[in-house]
Amino acid sequence: QVQVVESGGGLVQAGGSLRLSCAASGRTFGIYRMGWFRQAPGKEREFVATISWSGGTTYYTDSVKGRFAISRDNAKNTVYLQMNNLKPEDTAVYYCAAKTASSGTIYRRIDYDYWGQGTQVTVSS
């Protein structure tokens, strides 16, 4: 079992920045990738970014490329999502997730095994 806990959400004006943190615990040696997803009211949960646990390979959804950066600190078992130049359409609950298998995709919700409770990010215009 892996537990993940997000933190760092809040209210920010458009153009501002926030950094989300995701702390993993438990059987972290089994983690293959960590990902960030988000869910806006009335919408499906969507992929935002992912990073490999060992090599640091990253991928982003197109709408956040150049604005968001995912990183990891293996010594702290923590993944970060630095969000810059935030827009009102970034408003959502942000979820951290751990993927333990190398099979499957890196962007589908069902390919991630362990999820946090989410943290709210609200961007005002």
Protein backbone atom coordinates (compact mmCIF):
# COMPACT_ATOMS: atom_id res chain seq x y z
CA GLN A 1 0.00 0.00 0.00
CA VAL A 2 1.04 3.54 -0.75
CA GLN A 3 -0.44 6.60 0.88
CA VAL A 4 -0.30 10.03 -0.77
CA VAL A 5 -1.22 13.35 0.81
CA GLU A 6 -1.45 16.63 -1.07
CA SER A 7 -0.98 20.11 0.32
CA GLY A 8 -0.41 23.65 -0.88
CA GLY A 9 -3.66 24.61 -2.54
CA GLY A 10 -5.34 27.95 -2.05
CA LEU A 11 -6.74 31.10 -3.59
CA VAL A 12 -4.59 33.12 -5.96
CA GLN A 13 -5.15 35.87 -8.49
CA ALA A 14 -4.70 35.26 -12.19
CA GLY A 15 -1.04 35.46 -13.11
CA GLY A 16 0.05 34.28 -9.69
CA SER A 17 1.83 31.13 -8.58
CA LEU A 18 1.27 28.21 -6.24
CA ARG A 19 3.32 25.14 -5.38
CA LEU A 20 1.55 21.91 -4.55
CA SER A 21 3.25 19.14 -2.61
CA CYS A 22 2.50 15.43 -2.54
CA ALA A 23 4.03 13.29 0.18
CA ALA A 24 4.13 9.54 -0.41
CA SER A 25 4.50 6.96 2.34
CA GLY A 26 4.24 3.21 2.78
CA ARG A 27 5.63 0.92 0.07
CA THR A 28 7.21 3.76 -1.90
CA PHE A 29 9.81 1.42 -3.40
CA GLY A 30 6.99 0.09 -5.56
CA ILE A 31 6.19 3.44 -7.15
CA TYR A 32 6.83 3.69 -10.90
CA ARG A 33 5.39 7.14 -11.56
CA MET A 34 3.66 9.96 -9.74
CA GLY A 35 1.04 12.08 -11.41
CA TRP A 36 -1.08 15.15 -10.88
CA PHE A 37 -4.69 15.27 -12.07
CA ARG A 38 -7.35 17.91 -11.62
CA GLN A 39 -11.13 18.05 -11.60
CA ALA A 40 -13.12 21.20 -12.16
CA PRO A 41 -16.80 21.41 -11.14
CA GLY A 42 -18.98 19.48 -13.55
CA LYS A 43 -16.02 18.10 -15.47
CA GLU A 44 -14.13 14.85 -15.67
CA ARG A 45 -10.88 14.40 -13.80
CA GLU A 46 -8.07 15.17 -16.23
CA PHE A 47 -4.36 14.48 -16.45
CA VAL A 48 -2.03 17.39 -15.71
CA ALA A 49 1.53 16.10 -15.35
CA THR A 50 3.57 13.05 -14.45
CA ILE A 51 7.12 12.23 -13.40
CA SER A 52 8.94 8.93 -13.17
CA TRP A 53 9.99 7.99 -9.68
CA SER A 54 13.51 6.99 -10.64
CA GLY A 55 14.65 8.90 -13.69
CA GLY A 56 12.58 12.03 -13.50
CA THR A 57 11.08 11.84 -17.00
CA THR A 58 8.21 14.30 -17.20
CA TYR A 59 5.12 14.77 -19.34
CA TYR A 60 2.48 17.50 -19.33
CA THR A 61 -0.90 18.11 -20.79
CA ASP A 62 -0.73 20.78 -23.49
CA SER A 63 -2.70 23.41 -21.56
CA VAL A 64 -0.06 23.66 -18.80
CA LYS A 65 3.15 23.29 -20.80
CA GLY A 66 5.48 26.21 -20.11
CA ARG A 67 3.54 27.21 -16.99
CA PHE A 68 3.63 24.16 -14.69
CA ALA A 69 6.65 22.13 -13.61
CA ILE A 70 6.60 18.77 -11.85
CA SER A 71 9.59 17.69 -9.80
CA ARG A 72 10.46 15.17 -7.14
CA ASP A 73 12.63 14.82 -4.05
CA ASN A 74 13.22 11.13 -3.52
CA ALA A 75 14.91 11.70 -0.18
CA LYS A 76 11.66 13.17 1.08
CA ASN A 77 9.38 10.90 -0.97
CA THR A 78 7.70 14.07 -2.19
CA VAL A 79 6.55 15.32 -5.57
CA TYR A 80 5.88 18.97 -6.32
CA LEU A 81 3.82 20.83 -8.87
CA GLN A 82 4.99 24.39 -9.38
CA MET A 83 2.21 26.35 -11.07
CA ASN A 84 3.04 29.73 -12.58
CA ASN A 85 1.00 32.23 -14.57
CA LEU A 86 -2.19 30.68 -13.25
CA LYS A 87 -5.42 31.24 -15.13
CA PRO A 88 -9.04 31.07 -13.96
CA GLU A 89 -9.47 27.89 -16.01
CA ASP A 90 -6.86 26.21 -13.78
CA THR A 91 -9.38 26.33 -10.94
CA ALA A 92 -10.00 22.76 -9.80
CA VAL A 93 -9.37 20.20 -7.11
CA TYR A 94 -5.87 18.86 -7.73
CA TYR A 95 -5.15 15.23 -6.98
CA CYS A 96 -1.83 13.44 -6.61
CA ALA A 97 -1.63 9.80 -7.61
CA ALA A 98 0.90 6.97 -7.58
CA LYS A 99 1.29 4.45 -10.39
CA THR A 100 2.95 1.17 -9.50
CA ALA A 101 2.91 -0.66 -12.82
CA SER A 102 5.03 0.09 -15.87
CA SER A 103 2.22 -1.13 -18.11
CA GLY A 104 -0.71 1.01 -19.18
CA THR A 105 -0.65 4.68 -20.02
CA ILE A 106 0.73 7.62 -18.08
CA TYR A 107 -2.31 9.86 -18.51
CA ARG A 108 -5.40 7.76 -17.77
CA ARG A 109 -6.92 7.92 -14.34
CA ILE A 110 -7.45 4.16 -14.22
CA ASP A 111 -3.73 3.50 -14.66
CA TYR A 112 -2.92 5.06 -11.28
CA ASP A 113 -3.36 2.95 -8.17
CA TYR A 114 -3.26 5.25 -5.14
CA TRP A 115 -4.84 8.67 -4.76
CA GLY A 116 -4.77 11.52 -2.33
CA GLN A 117 -7.79 13.37 -1.04
CA GLY A 118 -7.20 16.41 -3.26
CA THR A 119 -6.41 20.05 -2.64
CA GLN A 120 -8.45 22.99 -3.92
CA VAL A 121 -6.85 25.55 -6.22
CA THR A 122 -8.92 28.63 -7.00
CA VAL A 123 -7.71 31.28 -9.44
CA SER A 124 -9.62 34.54 -9.43
CA SER A 125 -9.79 36.82 -12.45
